[in-house]
Every structure is written in structure tokens, then in C-alpha cells.
Amino acid sequence: MLIGEYYHTLDNKGRVIVPSRLREELGEKFIITRGLDNCLFLYPMQEWKNLERRLKSLPFTKSETRAFMRLFFSGASEVDIDKQGRILLPPLLREHSHLQKDVVFIGVSNRAEIWSKEIWEEYNHKSDLSFEQVAENLVDFQF
């Protein structure tokens, strides 16, 4: 399971160290693509295959499905972790998620996400304000 929050820095070539705790779950090769809320999604290969299968079952006759599939898959890249534990983030994806220097990796159960530190802190602050309300509306069990 992918969990936790980790702060790292992009180098001047667009490389970033993947936290070792996340590397264990993601594997040496995984998929990175555009995410929602201005972040990037990182999927272990098996999870990517499961997601791809589910997305293929959506009705391609709907324009929203076609638009989502185009953007989601066209932005996807298979990445390898180098000997120093780094990955190269493609320029298209760095631009999508506004990544410049300071980044945050977060684990979200079946995927990891990469956020610009500034955007993550803003999102996290807004989410903290409504966490209890969201939990009350979505979760039907006791913590």
C-alpha cells in the first residue's frame, strides 16, 4: 500500500528522487501520467493494467470518455528508476503539475502522487478545513 508524505527537490534536468518507501511499492518501472487537481499520478504496473481495463469498459461513444482517455493516456509515460533512485519527469508532465523545484510525493493507497510543494500546501490547507465534513458525508464507518 502506498502511504505517507515525502518532500524532495527536482534537479535542473527534471529528475527527482523517488522516496524509498514508495519505490518498494511502485517497483523499478512504473507509469506516470497527468493527475487531477494539478498533480501527477504514479501507478505500479499491475495497478496501471487494472485501471486500463476499467477505463476500456467506459462507453467510447460519449465525448467526455474520449476526451478523458486522450488526455490521460497521451500524457502517460513508463519510467525507470535509475541507480540513484531518481526518475526523469517529462517536460509535459512537469508543466501540467507546475513542478519547478520543491515537490511532495504522497501515497494514496493504490497510487502515488507528485505535487508542487506550494500547490500541495494550499490544497492541504483547504482540505483540512473540510476534512470532518467530507468524512461525515462519504465514510460510513468509525475510525
C-alpha atoms as a PDB file:
ATOM      1  CA  MET A   1       0.000   0.000   0.000  1.00  0.00           C
ATOM      2  CA  LEU A   2       1.267   3.474  -0.912  1.00  0.00           C
ATOM      3  CA  ILE A   3       1.084   5.843   2.065  1.00  0.00           C
ATOM      4  CA  GLY A   4       2.924   8.830   3.502  1.00  0.00           C
ATOM      5  CA  GLU A   5       4.095  12.311   2.563  1.00  0.00           C
ATOM      6  CA  TYR A   6       7.658  12.975   1.372  1.00  0.00           C
ATOM      7  CA  TYR A   7       9.395  16.224   0.393  1.00  0.00           C
ATOM      8  CA  HIS A   8      12.037  16.254  -2.359  1.00  0.00           C
ATOM      9  CA  THR A   9      13.642  18.607  -4.869  1.00  0.00           C
ATOM     10  CA  LEU A  10      13.804  18.484  -8.660  1.00  0.00           C
ATOM     11  CA  ASP A  11      17.282  18.860 -10.113  1.00  0.00           C
ATOM     12  CA  ASN A  12      17.981  21.156 -13.069  1.00  0.00           C
ATOM     13  CA  LYS A  13      17.409  18.258 -15.525  1.00  0.00           C
ATOM     14  CA  GLY A  14      13.920  17.480 -14.182  1.00  0.00           C
ATOM     15  CA  ARG A  15      14.965  14.437 -12.153  1.00  0.00           C
ATOM     16  CA  VAL A  16      13.703  13.680  -8.675  1.00  0.00           C
ATOM     17  CA  ILE A  17      14.473  11.001  -6.111  1.00  0.00           C
ATOM     18  CA  VAL A  18      11.532   8.677  -5.505  1.00  0.00           C
ATOM     19  CA  PRO A  19      11.182   8.060  -1.747  1.00  0.00           C
ATOM     20  CA  SER A  20      12.433   4.581  -0.864  1.00  0.00           C
ATOM     21  CA  ARG A  21       9.156   3.648   0.865  1.00  0.00           C
ATOM     22  CA  LEU A  22       7.260   4.382  -2.355  1.00  0.00           C
ATOM     23  CA  ARG A  23       9.894   2.693  -4.564  1.00  0.00           C
ATOM     24  CA  GLU A  24       9.229  -0.576  -2.762  1.00  0.00           C
ATOM     25  CA  GLU A  25       5.581  -0.495  -3.843  1.00  0.00           C
ATOM     26  CA  LEU A  26       5.945   1.151  -7.253  1.00  0.00           C
ATOM     27  CA  GLY A  27       8.725  -1.159  -8.419  1.00  0.00           C
ATOM     28  CA  GLU A  28      11.698  -0.365 -10.659  1.00  0.00           C
ATOM     29  CA  LYS A  29       9.417   0.514 -13.588  1.00  0.00           C
ATOM     30  CA  PHE A  30       6.024   2.190 -13.343  1.00  0.00           C
ATOM     31  CA  ILE A  31       3.627   4.543 -15.153  1.00  0.00           C
ATOM     32  CA  ILE A  32       3.362   8.281 -14.548  1.00  0.00           C
ATOM     33  CA  THR A  33       0.605  10.397 -16.054  1.00  0.00           C
ATOM     34  CA  ARG A  34      -1.430  13.564 -15.650  1.00  0.00           C
ATOM     35  CA  GLY A  35      -3.384  13.542 -12.446  1.00  0.00           C
ATOM     36  CA  LEU A  36      -6.300  15.562 -11.210  1.00  0.00           C
ATOM     37  CA  ASP A  37      -6.006  18.739  -9.126  1.00  0.00           C
ATOM     38  CA  ASN A  38      -2.675  19.716 -10.786  1.00  0.00           C
ATOM     39  CA  CYS A  39      -0.695  16.700  -9.644  1.00  0.00           C
ATOM     40  CA  LEU A  40       0.830  13.637 -11.292  1.00  0.00           C
ATOM     41  CA  PHE A  41      -0.350  10.062 -10.747  1.00  0.00           C
ATOM     42  CA  LEU A  42       2.177   7.222 -10.392  1.00  0.00           C
ATOM     43  CA  TYR A  43       0.909   3.669 -10.823  1.00  0.00           C
ATOM     44  CA  PRO A  44       2.645   0.343 -10.262  1.00  0.00           C
ATOM     45  CA  MET A  45       2.479  -1.678 -13.495  1.00  0.00           C
ATOM     46  CA  GLN A  46      -0.188  -4.104 -12.232  1.00  0.00           C
ATOM     47  CA  GLU A  47      -2.382  -1.297 -10.936  1.00  0.00           C
ATOM     48  CA  TRP A  48      -1.989   0.507 -14.293  1.00  0.00           C
ATOM     49  CA  LYS A  49      -3.167  -2.617 -16.122  1.00  0.00           C
ATOM     50  CA  ASN A  50      -6.196  -2.862 -13.814  1.00  0.00           C
ATOM     51  CA  LEU A  51      -7.028   0.809 -14.375  1.00  0.00           C
ATOM     52  CA  GLU A  52      -6.595   0.498 -18.136  1.00  0.00           C
ATOM     53  CA  ARG A  53      -9.003  -2.453 -18.181  1.00  0.00           C
ATOM     54  CA  ARG A  54     -11.615  -0.482 -16.231  1.00  0.00           C
ATOM     55  CA  LEU A  55     -11.234   2.592 -18.447  1.00  0.00           C
ATOM     56  CA  LYS A  56     -11.597   0.486 -21.599  1.00  0.00           C
ATOM     57  CA  SER A  57     -15.051  -0.531 -20.386  1.00  0.00           C
ATOM     58  CA  LEU A  58     -16.293   3.081 -20.457  1.00  0.00           C
ATOM     59  CA  PRO A  59     -18.580   3.947 -23.385  1.00  0.00           C
ATOM     60  CA  PHE A  60     -16.335   5.423 -26.086  1.00  0.00           C
ATOM     61  CA  THR A  61     -19.399   6.891 -27.797  1.00  0.00           C
ATOM     62  CA  LYS A  62     -19.505   9.601 -25.110  1.00  0.00           C
ATOM     63  CA  SER A  63     -17.366  12.623 -25.898  1.00  0.00           C
ATOM     64  CA  GLU A  64     -16.323  13.014 -22.234  1.00  0.00           C
ATOM     65  CA  THR A  65     -14.936   9.483 -22.239  1.00  0.00           C
ATOM     66  CA  ARG A  66     -12.957  10.084 -25.421  1.00  0.00           C
ATOM     67  CA  ALA A  67     -11.606  13.398 -24.139  1.00  0.00           C
ATOM     68  CA  PHE A  68     -10.551  11.936 -20.799  1.00  0.00           C
ATOM     69  CA  MET A  69      -8.932   8.877 -22.394  1.00  0.00           C
ATOM     70  CA  ARG A  70      -6.987  11.043 -24.853  1.00  0.00           C
ATOM     71  CA  LEU A  71      -5.566  13.311 -22.180  1.00  0.00           C
ATOM     72  CA  PHE A  72      -4.970  10.585 -19.622  1.00  0.00           C
ATOM     73  CA  PHE A  73      -3.183   8.140 -21.931  1.00  0.00           C
ATOM     74  CA  SER A  74      -1.369  10.672 -24.134  1.00  0.00           C
ATOM     75  CA  GLY A  75       0.322  12.088 -21.046  1.00  0.00           C
ATOM     76  CA  ALA A  76       1.365   8.687 -19.710  1.00  0.00           C
ATOM     77  CA  SER A  77       4.995   7.576 -19.669  1.00  0.00           C
ATOM     78  CA  GLU A  78       6.699   4.431 -18.492  1.00  0.00           C
ATOM     79  CA  VAL A  79       9.565   5.456 -16.233  1.00  0.00           C
ATOM     80  CA  ASP A  80      12.554   3.583 -14.855  1.00  0.00           C
ATOM     81  CA  ILE A  81      14.259   4.357 -11.580  1.00  0.00           C
ATOM     82  CA  ASP A  82      17.995   4.945 -12.062  1.00  0.00           C
ATOM     83  CA  LYS A  83      20.756   3.677  -9.763  1.00  0.00           C
ATOM     84  CA  GLN A  84      20.440   6.782  -7.578  1.00  0.00           C
ATOM     85  CA  GLY A  85      16.698   6.191  -7.070  1.00  0.00           C
ATOM     86  CA  ARG A  86      15.672   9.012  -9.429  1.00  0.00           C
ATOM     87  CA  ILE A  87      13.187   9.337 -12.258  1.00  0.00           C
ATOM     88  CA  LEU A  88      13.122  11.876 -15.061  1.00  0.00           C
ATOM     89  CA  LEU A  89       9.828  13.752 -15.151  1.00  0.00           C
ATOM     90  CA  PRO A  90       8.837  14.527 -18.752  1.00  0.00           C
ATOM     91  CA  PRO A  91       8.549  18.270 -19.503  1.00  0.00           C
ATOM     92  CA  LEU A  92       4.854  17.909 -20.454  1.00  0.00           C
ATOM     93  CA  LEU A  93       4.062  16.461 -17.038  1.00  0.00           C
ATOM     94  CA  ARG A  94       6.202  18.994 -15.159  1.00  0.00           C
ATOM     95  CA  GLU A  95       4.295  21.746 -16.936  1.00  0.00           C
ATOM     96  CA  HIS A  96       0.894  20.140 -16.222  1.00  0.00           C
ATOM     97  CA  SER A  97       1.588  19.974 -12.495  1.00  0.00           C
ATOM     98  CA  HIS A  98       3.556  23.244 -12.220  1.00  0.00           C
ATOM     99  CA  LEU A  99       6.646  21.454 -10.888  1.00  0.00           C
ATOM    100  CA  GLN A 100       9.683  23.675 -10.670  1.00  0.00           C
ATOM    101  CA  LYS A 101      11.838  22.893  -7.630  1.00  0.00           C
ATOM    102  CA  ASP A 102      10.213  21.673  -4.413  1.00  0.00           C
ATOM    103  CA  VAL A 103       7.874  18.693  -4.772  1.00  0.00           C
ATOM    104  CA  VAL A 104       5.833  16.483  -2.495  1.00  0.00           C
ATOM    105  CA  PHE A 105       5.188  12.780  -3.025  1.00  0.00           C
ATOM    106  CA  ILE A 106       2.103  11.405  -1.320  1.00  0.00           C
ATOM    107  CA  GLY A 107       0.875   7.835  -1.114  1.00  0.00           C
ATOM    108  CA  VAL A 108      -2.813   7.366  -1.918  1.00  0.00           C
ATOM    109  CA  SER A 109      -3.420   3.631  -1.399  1.00  0.00           C
ATOM    110  CA  ASN A 110      -3.079   2.185  -4.922  1.00  0.00           C
ATOM    111  CA  ARG A 111      -1.123   5.069  -6.457  1.00  0.00           C
ATOM    112  CA  ALA A 112       1.333   7.797  -5.514  1.00  0.00           C
ATOM    113  CA  GLU A 113       1.030  11.435  -6.470  1.00  0.00           C
ATOM    114  CA  ILE A 114       3.596  14.173  -7.081  1.00  0.00           C
ATOM    115  CA  TRP A 115       2.616  17.737  -6.236  1.00  0.00           C
ATOM    116  CA  SER A 116       4.266  21.117  -6.394  1.00  0.00           C
ATOM    117  CA  LYS A 117       5.006  21.916  -2.748  1.00  0.00           C
ATOM    118  CA  GLU A 118       3.118  25.211  -2.969  1.00  0.00           C
ATOM    119  CA  ILE A 119       0.035  23.690  -4.599  1.00  0.00           C
ATOM    120  CA  TRP A 120       0.045  20.761  -2.143  1.00  0.00           C
ATOM    121  CA  GLU A 121       0.220  23.062   0.879  1.00  0.00           C
ATOM    122  CA  GLU A 122      -2.643  25.173  -0.461  1.00  0.00           C
ATOM    123  CA  TYR A 123      -4.739  22.086  -1.287  1.00  0.00           C
ATOM    124  CA  ASN A 124      -3.940  20.504   2.069  1.00  0.00           C
ATOM    125  CA  HIS A 125      -4.923  23.661   3.951  1.00  0.00           C
ATOM    126  CA  LYS A 126      -8.263  23.886   2.124  1.00  0.00           C
ATOM    127  CA  SER A 127      -8.896  20.179   2.669  1.00  0.00           C
ATOM    128  CA  ASP A 128      -8.113  20.374   6.382  1.00  0.00           C
ATOM    129  CA  LEU A 129     -10.928  22.862   6.774  1.00  0.00           C
ATOM    130  CA  SER A 130     -13.491  20.426   5.367  1.00  0.00           C
ATOM    131  CA  PHE A 131     -11.993  17.041   6.353  1.00  0.00           C
ATOM    132  CA  GLU A 132     -14.580  16.291   9.014  1.00  0.00           C
ATOM    133  CA  GLN A 133     -17.471  17.283   6.744  1.00  0.00           C
ATOM    134  CA  VAL A 134     -16.177  15.160   3.861  1.00  0.00           C
ATOM    135  CA  ALA A 135     -15.612  12.217   6.206  1.00  0.00           C
ATOM    136  CA  GLU A 136     -19.137  12.560   7.565  1.00  0.00           C
ATOM    137  CA  ASN A 137     -20.621  12.598   4.047  1.00  0.00           C
ATOM    138  CA  LEU A 138     -18.523   9.831   2.486  1.00  0.00           C
ATOM    139  CA  VAL A 139     -17.429   7.434   5.178  1.00  0.00           C
ATOM    140  CA  ASP A 140     -19.917   5.075   6.779  1.00  0.00           C
ATOM    141  CA  PHE A 141     -17.759   3.546   9.487  1.00  0.00           C
ATOM    142  CA  GLN A 142     -15.968   4.507  12.680  1.00  0.00           C
ATOM    143  CA  PHE A 143     -12.257   5.407  12.621  1.00  0.00           C
END
